[in-house]
Amino acid sequence: MSNPDDSLHGLEVEIKVELAIAESGREKVSDTPPTEWLSDPVDEERYEIGLHGLLDAVTVVEDATSPNPGGGYS
């Protein structure tokens, strides 16, 4: 059986990679006419916000499942 911490860490890495890709792919909308946009900038922003939310959720779950410095569980 796999360790849940390993799964969470793997998910965190995947989200960070996807977030880096999304952030690096931003276009300057003001420089490009709307007819040439590959996607709607508002949709791209929503996607990035969703990725940040997922990353925050993974962090919360990791913090909740990892032992605290006192040796017990929170």
PDB file of N, CA and C in Angstrom:
ATOM      1  N   MET A   1       0.847  -1.176   0.000  1.00  0.00           N
ATOM      2  CA  MET A   1       0.000   0.000   0.000  1.00  0.00           C
ATOM      3  C   MET A   1       0.893   1.239   0.000  1.00  0.00           C
ATOM      4  N   SER A   2       0.523   2.229  -0.769  1.00  0.00           N
ATOM      5  CA  SER A   2       1.355   3.427  -0.872  1.00  0.00           C
ATOM      6  C   SER A   2       1.117   4.364   0.310  1.00  0.00           C
ATOM      7  N   ASN A   3       2.108   5.136   0.608  1.00  0.00           N
ATOM      8  CA  ASN A   3       2.067   6.100   1.698  1.00  0.00           C
ATOM      9  C   ASN A   3       1.265   7.329   1.247  1.00  0.00           C
ATOM     10  N   PRO A   4       0.239   7.738   2.005  1.00  0.00           N
ATOM     11  CA  PRO A   4      -0.548   8.920   1.621  1.00  0.00           C
ATOM     12  C   PRO A   4       0.304  10.184   1.503  1.00  0.00           C
ATOM     13  N   ASP A   5       1.352  10.291   2.331  1.00  0.00           N
ATOM     14  CA  ASP A   5       2.223  11.459   2.249  1.00  0.00           C
ATOM     15  C   ASP A   5       2.933  11.517   0.896  1.00  0.00           C
ATOM     16  N   ASP A   6       3.330  10.359   0.381  1.00  0.00           N
ATOM     17  CA  ASP A   6       3.972  10.311  -0.939  1.00  0.00           C
ATOM     18  C   ASP A   6       2.993  10.748  -2.022  1.00  0.00           C
ATOM     19  N   SER A   7       1.748  10.305  -1.908  1.00  0.00           N
ATOM     20  CA  SER A   7       0.726  10.677  -2.887  1.00  0.00           C
ATOM     21  C   SER A   7       0.466  12.177  -2.855  1.00  0.00           C
ATOM     22  N   LEU A   8       0.381  12.727  -1.648  1.00  0.00           N
ATOM     23  CA  LEU A   8       0.154  14.164  -1.518  1.00  0.00           C
ATOM     24  C   LEU A   8       1.328  14.954  -2.072  1.00  0.00           C
ATOM     25  N   HIS A   9       2.526  14.477  -1.793  1.00  0.00           N
ATOM     26  CA  HIS A   9       3.711  15.178  -2.307  1.00  0.00           C
ATOM     27  C   HIS A   9       3.732  15.136  -3.836  1.00  0.00           C
ATOM     28  N   GLY A  10       3.403  13.978  -4.393  1.00  0.00           N
ATOM     29  CA  GLY A  10       3.343  13.848  -5.853  1.00  0.00           C
ATOM     30  C   GLY A  10       2.302  14.776  -6.454  1.00  0.00           C
ATOM     31  N   LEU A  11       1.151  14.869  -5.804  1.00  0.00           N
ATOM     32  CA  LEU A  11       0.101  15.773  -6.270  1.00  0.00           C
ATOM     33  C   LEU A  11       0.573  17.217  -6.188  1.00  0.00           C
ATOM     34  N   GLU A  12       1.242  17.561  -5.100  1.00  0.00           N
ATOM     35  CA  GLU A  12       1.757  18.920  -4.934  1.00  0.00           C
ATOM     36  C   GLU A  12       2.747  19.265  -6.052  1.00  0.00           C
ATOM     37  N   VAL A  13       3.620  18.340  -6.381  1.00  0.00           N
ATOM     38  CA  VAL A  13       4.598  18.561  -7.447  1.00  0.00           C
ATOM     39  C   VAL A  13       3.880  18.767  -8.783  1.00  0.00           C
ATOM     40  N   GLU A  14       2.894  17.926  -9.068  1.00  0.00           N
ATOM     41  CA  GLU A  14       2.146  18.044 -10.319  1.00  0.00           C
ATOM     42  C   GLU A  14       1.436  19.397 -10.427  1.00  0.00           C
ATOM     43  N   ILE A  15       0.834  19.834  -9.340  1.00  0.00           N
ATOM     44  CA  ILE A  15       0.135  21.123  -9.336  1.00  0.00           C
ATOM     45  C   ILE A  15       1.118  22.262  -9.552  1.00  0.00           C
ATOM     46  N   LYS A  16       2.281  22.198  -8.896  1.00  0.00           N
ATOM     47  CA  LYS A  16       3.285  23.255  -9.061  1.00  0.00           C
ATOM     48  C   LYS A  16       3.794  23.314 -10.498  1.00  0.00           C
ATOM     49  N   VAL A  17       3.980  22.167 -11.118  1.00  0.00           N
ATOM     50  CA  VAL A  17       4.428  22.135 -12.515  1.00  0.00           C
ATOM     51  C   VAL A  17       3.356  22.747 -13.412  1.00  0.00           C
ATOM     52  N   GLU A  18       2.116  22.338 -13.216  1.00  0.00           N
ATOM     53  CA  GLU A  18       1.017  22.863 -14.025  1.00  0.00           C
ATOM     54  C   GLU A  18       0.860  24.370 -13.823  1.00  0.00           C
ATOM     55  N   LEU A  19       1.032  24.829 -12.591  1.00  0.00           N
ATOM     56  CA  LEU A  19       0.946  26.253 -12.292  1.00  0.00           C
ATOM     57  C   LEU A  19       2.073  27.020 -12.985  1.00  0.00           C
ATOM     58  N   ALA A  20       3.270  26.476 -12.971  1.00  0.00           N
ATOM     59  CA  ALA A  20       4.399  27.123 -13.651  1.00  0.00           C
ATOM     60  C   ALA A  20       4.140  27.219 -15.160  1.00  0.00           C
ATOM     61  N   ILE A  21       3.596  26.170 -15.724  1.00  0.00           N
ATOM     62  CA  ILE A  21       3.265  26.179 -17.154  1.00  0.00           C
ATOM     63  C   ILE A  21       2.200  27.234 -17.442  1.00  0.00           C
ATOM     64  N   ALA A  22       1.164  27.272 -16.618  1.00  0.00           N
ATOM     65  CA  ALA A  22       0.077  28.232 -16.815  1.00  0.00           C
ATOM     66  C   ALA A  22       0.583  29.664 -16.686  1.00  0.00           C
ATOM     67  N   GLU A  23       1.434  29.914 -15.702  1.00  0.00           N
ATOM     68  CA  GLU A  23       1.932  31.268 -15.483  1.00  0.00           C
ATOM     69  C   GLU A  23       2.912  31.690 -16.582  1.00  0.00           C
ATOM     70  N   SER A  24       3.681  30.755 -17.103  1.00  0.00           N
ATOM     71  CA  SER A  24       4.651  31.104 -18.144  1.00  0.00           C
ATOM     72  C   SER A  24       3.988  31.306 -19.500  1.00  0.00           C
ATOM     73  N   GLY A  25       2.792  30.780 -19.660  1.00  0.00           N
ATOM     74  CA  GLY A  25       2.110  30.875 -20.944  1.00  0.00           C
ATOM     75  C   GLY A  25       1.231  32.098 -21.103  1.00  0.00           C
ATOM     76  N   ARG A  26       1.259  32.975 -20.134  1.00  0.00           N
ATOM     77  CA  ARG A  26       0.424  34.176 -20.229  1.00  0.00           C
ATOM     78  C   ARG A  26       0.845  35.040 -21.404  1.00  0.00           C
ATOM     79  N   GLU A  27      -0.164  35.541 -22.091  1.00  0.00           N
ATOM     80  CA  GLU A  27       0.091  36.473 -23.180  1.00  0.00           C
ATOM     81  C   GLU A  27      -0.232  37.882 -22.707  1.00  0.00           C
ATOM     82  N   LYS A  28       0.395  38.844 -23.330  1.00  0.00           N
ATOM     83  CA  LYS A  28      -0.004  40.221 -23.072  1.00  0.00           C
ATOM     84  C   LYS A  28      -1.213  40.494 -23.943  1.00  0.00           C
ATOM     85  N   VAL A  29      -2.371  40.547 -23.308  1.00  0.00           N
ATOM     86  CA  VAL A  29      -3.622  40.699 -24.032  1.00  0.00           C
ATOM     87  C   VAL A  29      -3.656  42.032 -24.768  1.00  0.00           C
ATOM     88  N   SER A  30      -3.082  43.047 -24.170  1.00  0.00           N
ATOM     89  CA  SER A  30      -3.130  44.361 -24.805  1.00  0.00           C
ATOM     90  C   SER A  30      -2.356  44.405 -26.118  1.00  0.00           C
ATOM     91  N   ASP A  31      -1.421  43.466 -26.299  1.00  0.00           N
ATOM     92  CA  ASP A  31      -0.608  43.444 -27.510  1.00  0.00           C
ATOM     93  C   ASP A  31      -1.214  42.608 -28.632  1.00  0.00           C
ATOM     94  N   THR A  32      -2.246  41.871 -28.331  1.00  0.00           N
ATOM     95  CA  THR A  32      -2.808  40.937 -29.299  1.00  0.00           C
ATOM     96  C   THR A  32      -4.292  41.224 -29.513  1.00  0.00           C
ATOM     97  N   PRO A  33      -4.741  41.282 -30.753  1.00  0.00           N
ATOM     98  CA  PRO A  33      -6.180  41.482 -30.980  1.00  0.00           C
ATOM     99  C   PRO A  33      -6.966  40.247 -30.529  1.00  0.00           C
ATOM    100  N   PRO A  34      -8.179  40.451 -30.014  1.00  0.00           N
ATOM    101  CA  PRO A  34      -8.989  39.328 -29.514  1.00  0.00           C
ATOM    102  C   PRO A  34      -9.184  38.204 -30.524  1.00  0.00           C
ATOM    103  N   THR A  35      -9.185  38.497 -31.794  1.00  0.00           N
ATOM    104  CA  THR A  35      -9.382  37.451 -32.801  1.00  0.00           C
ATOM    105  C   THR A  35      -8.200  36.484 -32.872  1.00  0.00           C
ATOM    106  N   GLU A  36      -7.061  36.875 -32.292  1.00  0.00           N
ATOM    107  CA  GLU A  36      -5.871  36.023 -32.320  1.00  0.00           C
ATOM    108  C   GLU A  36      -5.568  35.355 -30.978  1.00  0.00           C
ATOM    109  N   TRP A  37      -6.405  35.582 -29.980  1.00  0.00           N
ATOM    110  CA  TRP A  37      -6.195  34.953 -28.680  1.00  0.00           C
ATOM    111  C   TRP A  37      -6.365  33.446 -28.817  1.00  0.00           C
ATOM    112  N   LEU A  38      -5.500  32.692 -28.189  1.00  0.00           N
ATOM    113  CA  LEU A  38      -5.636  31.234 -28.191  1.00  0.00           C
ATOM    114  C   LEU A  38      -6.686  30.789 -27.193  1.00  0.00           C
ATOM    115  N   SER A  39      -6.857  31.555 -26.133  1.00  0.00           N
ATOM    116  CA  SER A  39      -7.895  31.275 -25.144  1.00  0.00           C
ATOM    117  C   SER A  39      -8.289  32.584 -24.468  1.00  0.00           C
ATOM    118  N   ASP A  40      -9.399  32.555 -23.801  1.00  0.00           N
ATOM    119  CA  ASP A  40      -9.891  33.736 -23.107  1.00  0.00           C
ATOM    120  C   ASP A  40      -9.021  33.986 -21.874  1.00  0.00           C
ATOM    121  N   PRO A  41      -8.471  35.181 -21.729  1.00  0.00           N
ATOM    122  CA  PRO A  41      -7.619  35.480 -20.570  1.00  0.00           C
ATOM    123  C   PRO A  41      -8.341  35.300 -19.232  1.00  0.00           C
ATOM    124  N   VAL A  42      -9.633  35.525 -19.200  1.00  0.00           N
ATOM    125  CA  VAL A  42     -10.388  35.332 -17.960  1.00  0.00           C
ATOM    126  C   VAL A  42     -10.414  33.848 -17.591  1.00  0.00           C
ATOM    127  N   ASP A  43     -10.576  32.984 -18.583  1.00  0.00           N
ATOM    128  CA  ASP A  43     -10.540  31.546 -18.316  1.00  0.00           C
ATOM    129  C   ASP A  43      -9.172  31.107 -17.810  1.00  0.00           C
ATOM    130  N   GLU A  44      -8.115  31.674 -18.380  1.00  0.00           N
ATOM    131  CA  GLU A  44      -6.762  31.349 -17.924  1.00  0.00           C
ATOM    132  C   GLU A  44      -6.557  31.779 -16.473  1.00  0.00           C
ATOM    133  N   GLU A  45      -7.074  32.946 -16.135  1.00  0.00           N
ATOM    134  CA  GLU A  45      -6.947  33.429 -14.758  1.00  0.00           C
ATOM    135  C   GLU A  45      -7.730  32.541 -13.790  1.00  0.00           C
ATOM    136  N   ARG A  46      -8.927  32.134 -14.194  1.00  0.00           N
ATOM    137  CA  ARG A  46      -9.717  31.220 -13.348  1.00  0.00           C
ATOM    138  C   ARG A  46      -8.974  29.904 -13.133  1.00  0.00           C
ATOM    139  N   TYR A  47      -8.350  29.401 -14.171  1.00  0.00           N
ATOM    140  CA  TYR A  47      -7.606  28.152 -14.080  1.00  0.00           C
ATOM    141  C   TYR A  47      -6.462  28.287 -13.080  1.00  0.00           C
ATOM    142  N   GLU A  48      -5.719  29.383 -13.169  1.00  0.00           N
ATOM    143  CA  GLU A  48      -4.618  29.619 -12.231  1.00  0.00           C
ATOM    144  C   GLU A  48      -5.128  29.747 -10.800  1.00  0.00           C
ATOM    145  N   ILE A  49      -6.236  30.428 -10.621  1.00  0.00           N
ATOM    146  CA  ILE A  49      -6.824  30.564  -9.278  1.00  0.00           C
ATOM    147  C   ILE A  49      -7.202  29.189  -8.743  1.00  0.00           C
ATOM    148  N   GLY A  50      -7.778  28.350  -9.600  1.00  0.00           N
ATOM    149  CA  GLY A  50      -8.124  26.992  -9.196  1.00  0.00           C
ATOM    150  C   GLY A  50      -6.904  26.181  -8.799  1.00  0.00           C
ATOM    151  N   LEU A  51      -5.818  26.326  -9.551  1.00  0.00           N
ATOM    152  CA  LEU A  51      -4.580  25.616  -9.219  1.00  0.00           C
ATOM    153  C   LEU A  51      -4.031  26.081  -7.873  1.00  0.00           C
ATOM    154  N   HIS A  52      -4.082  27.389  -7.624  1.00  0.00           N
ATOM    155  CA  HIS A  52      -3.627  27.901  -6.326  1.00  0.00           C
ATOM    156  C   HIS A  52      -4.493  27.336  -5.199  1.00  0.00           C
ATOM    157  N   GLY A  53      -5.798  27.228  -5.434  1.00  0.00           N
ATOM    158  CA  GLY A  53      -6.697  26.646  -4.435  1.00  0.00           C
ATOM    159  C   GLY A  53      -6.368  25.189  -4.159  1.00  0.00           C
ATOM    160  N   LEU A  54      -6.094  24.431  -5.219  1.00  0.00           N
ATOM    161  CA  LEU A  54      -5.704  23.026  -5.043  1.00  0.00           C
ATOM    162  C   LEU A  54      -4.404  22.905  -4.274  1.00  0.00           C
ATOM    163  N   LEU A  55      -3.444  23.760  -4.598  1.00  0.00           N
ATOM    164  CA  LEU A  55      -2.157  23.736  -3.907  1.00  0.00           C
ATOM    165  C   LEU A  55      -2.342  24.058  -2.426  1.00  0.00           C
ATOM    166  N   ASP A  56      -3.179  25.039  -2.118  1.00  0.00           N
ATOM    167  CA  ASP A  56      -3.468  25.363  -0.723  1.00  0.00           C
ATOM    168  C   ASP A  56      -4.131  24.186  -0.006  1.00  0.00           C
ATOM    169  N   ALA A  57      -5.050  23.515  -0.695  1.00  0.00           N
ATOM    170  CA  ALA A  57      -5.744  22.376  -0.088  1.00  0.00           C
ATOM    171  C   ALA A  57      -4.772  21.240   0.207  1.00  0.00           C
ATOM    172  N   VAL A  58      -3.871  20.954  -0.711  1.00  0.00           N
ATOM    173  CA  VAL A  58      -2.870  19.898  -0.491  1.00  0.00           C
ATOM    174  C   VAL A  58      -1.997  20.258   0.703  1.00  0.00           C
ATOM    175  N   THR A  59      -1.618  21.518   0.803  1.00  0.00           N
ATOM    176  CA  THR A  59      -0.785  21.967   1.929  1.00  0.00           C
ATOM    177  C   THR A  59      -1.515  21.776   3.250  1.00  0.00           C
ATOM    178  N   VAL A  60      -2.785  22.100   3.286  1.00  0.00           N
ATOM    179  CA  VAL A  60      -3.576  21.942   4.515  1.00  0.00           C
ATOM    180  C   VAL A  60      -3.666  20.472   4.901  1.00  0.00           C
ATOM    181  N   VAL A  61      -3.923  19.610   3.932  1.00  0.00           N
ATOM    182  CA  VAL A  61      -4.024  18.175   4.229  1.00  0.00           C
ATOM    183  C   VAL A  61      -2.677  17.625   4.682  1.00  0.00           C
ATOM    184  N   GLU A  62      -1.599  18.040   4.029  1.00  0.00           N
ATOM    185  CA  GLU A  62      -0.267  17.591   4.451  1.00  0.00           C
ATOM    186  C   GLU A  62       0.023  18.025   5.888  1.00  0.00           C
ATOM    187  N   ASP A  63      -0.310  19.274   6.206  1.00  0.00           N
ATOM    188  CA  ASP A  63      -0.081  19.771   7.561  1.00  0.00           C
ATOM    189  C   ASP A  63      -0.917  19.021   8.590  1.00  0.00           C
ATOM    190  N   ALA A  64      -2.140  18.660   8.204  1.00  0.00           N
ATOM    191  CA  ALA A  64      -3.041  17.972   9.131  1.00  0.00           C
ATOM    192  C   ALA A  64      -2.639  16.521   9.364  1.00  0.00           C
ATOM    193  N   THR A  65      -1.982  15.921   8.388  1.00  0.00           N
ATOM    194  CA  THR A  65      -1.646  14.495   8.506  1.00  0.00           C
ATOM    195  C   THR A  65      -0.211  14.263   8.964  1.00  0.00           C
ATOM    196  N   SER A  66       0.604  15.301   9.002  1.00  0.00           N
ATOM    197  CA  SER A  66       1.985  15.093   9.430  1.00  0.00           C
ATOM    198  C   SER A  66       2.107  15.313  10.933  1.00  0.00           C
ATOM    199  N   PRO A  67       3.016  14.581  11.545  1.00  0.00           N
ATOM    200  CA  PRO A  67       3.198  14.759  12.992  1.00  0.00           C
ATOM    201  C   PRO A  67       3.725  16.157  13.291  1.00  0.00           C
ATOM    202  N   ASN A  68       3.261  16.712  14.399  1.00  0.00           N
ATOM    203  CA  ASN A  68       3.765  18.039  14.785  1.00  0.00           C
ATOM    204  C   ASN A  68       5.086  17.866  15.538  1.00  0.00           C
ATOM    205  N   PRO A  69       5.829  18.945  15.719  1.00  0.00           N
ATOM    206  CA  PRO A  69       7.154  18.841  16.350  1.00  0.00           C
ATOM    207  C   PRO A  69       7.135  18.226  17.740  1.00  0.00           C
ATOM    208  N   GLY A  70       6.000  18.241  18.428  1.00  0.00           N
ATOM    209  CA  GLY A  70       5.915  17.674  19.769  1.00  0.00           C
ATOM    210  C   GLY A  70       5.857  16.163  19.789  1.00  0.00           C
ATOM    211  N   GLY A  71       5.779  15.541  18.624  1.00  0.00           N
ATOM    212  CA  GLY A  71       5.775  14.080  18.556  1.00  0.00           C
ATOM    213  C   GLY A  71       4.394  13.481  18.413  1.00  0.00           C
ATOM    214  N   GLY A  72       3.338  14.250  18.648  1.00  0.00           N
ATOM    215  CA  GLY A  72       1.980  13.737  18.496  1.00  0.00           C
ATOM    216  C   GLY A  72       1.372  14.211  17.186  1.00  0.00           C
ATOM    217  N   TYR A  73       0.147  13.837  16.993  1.00  0.00           N
ATOM    218  CA  TYR A  73      -0.576  14.292  15.811  1.00  0.00           C
ATOM    219  C   TYR A  73      -1.478  15.440  16.201  1.00  0.00           C
ATOM    220  N   SER A  74      -1.696  16.351  15.256  1.00  0.00           N
ATOM    221  CA  SER A  74      -2.570  17.481  15.544  1.00  0.00           C
ATOM    222  C   SER A  74      -4.025  17.112  15.376  1.00  0.00           C
TER     223      SER A  74
END
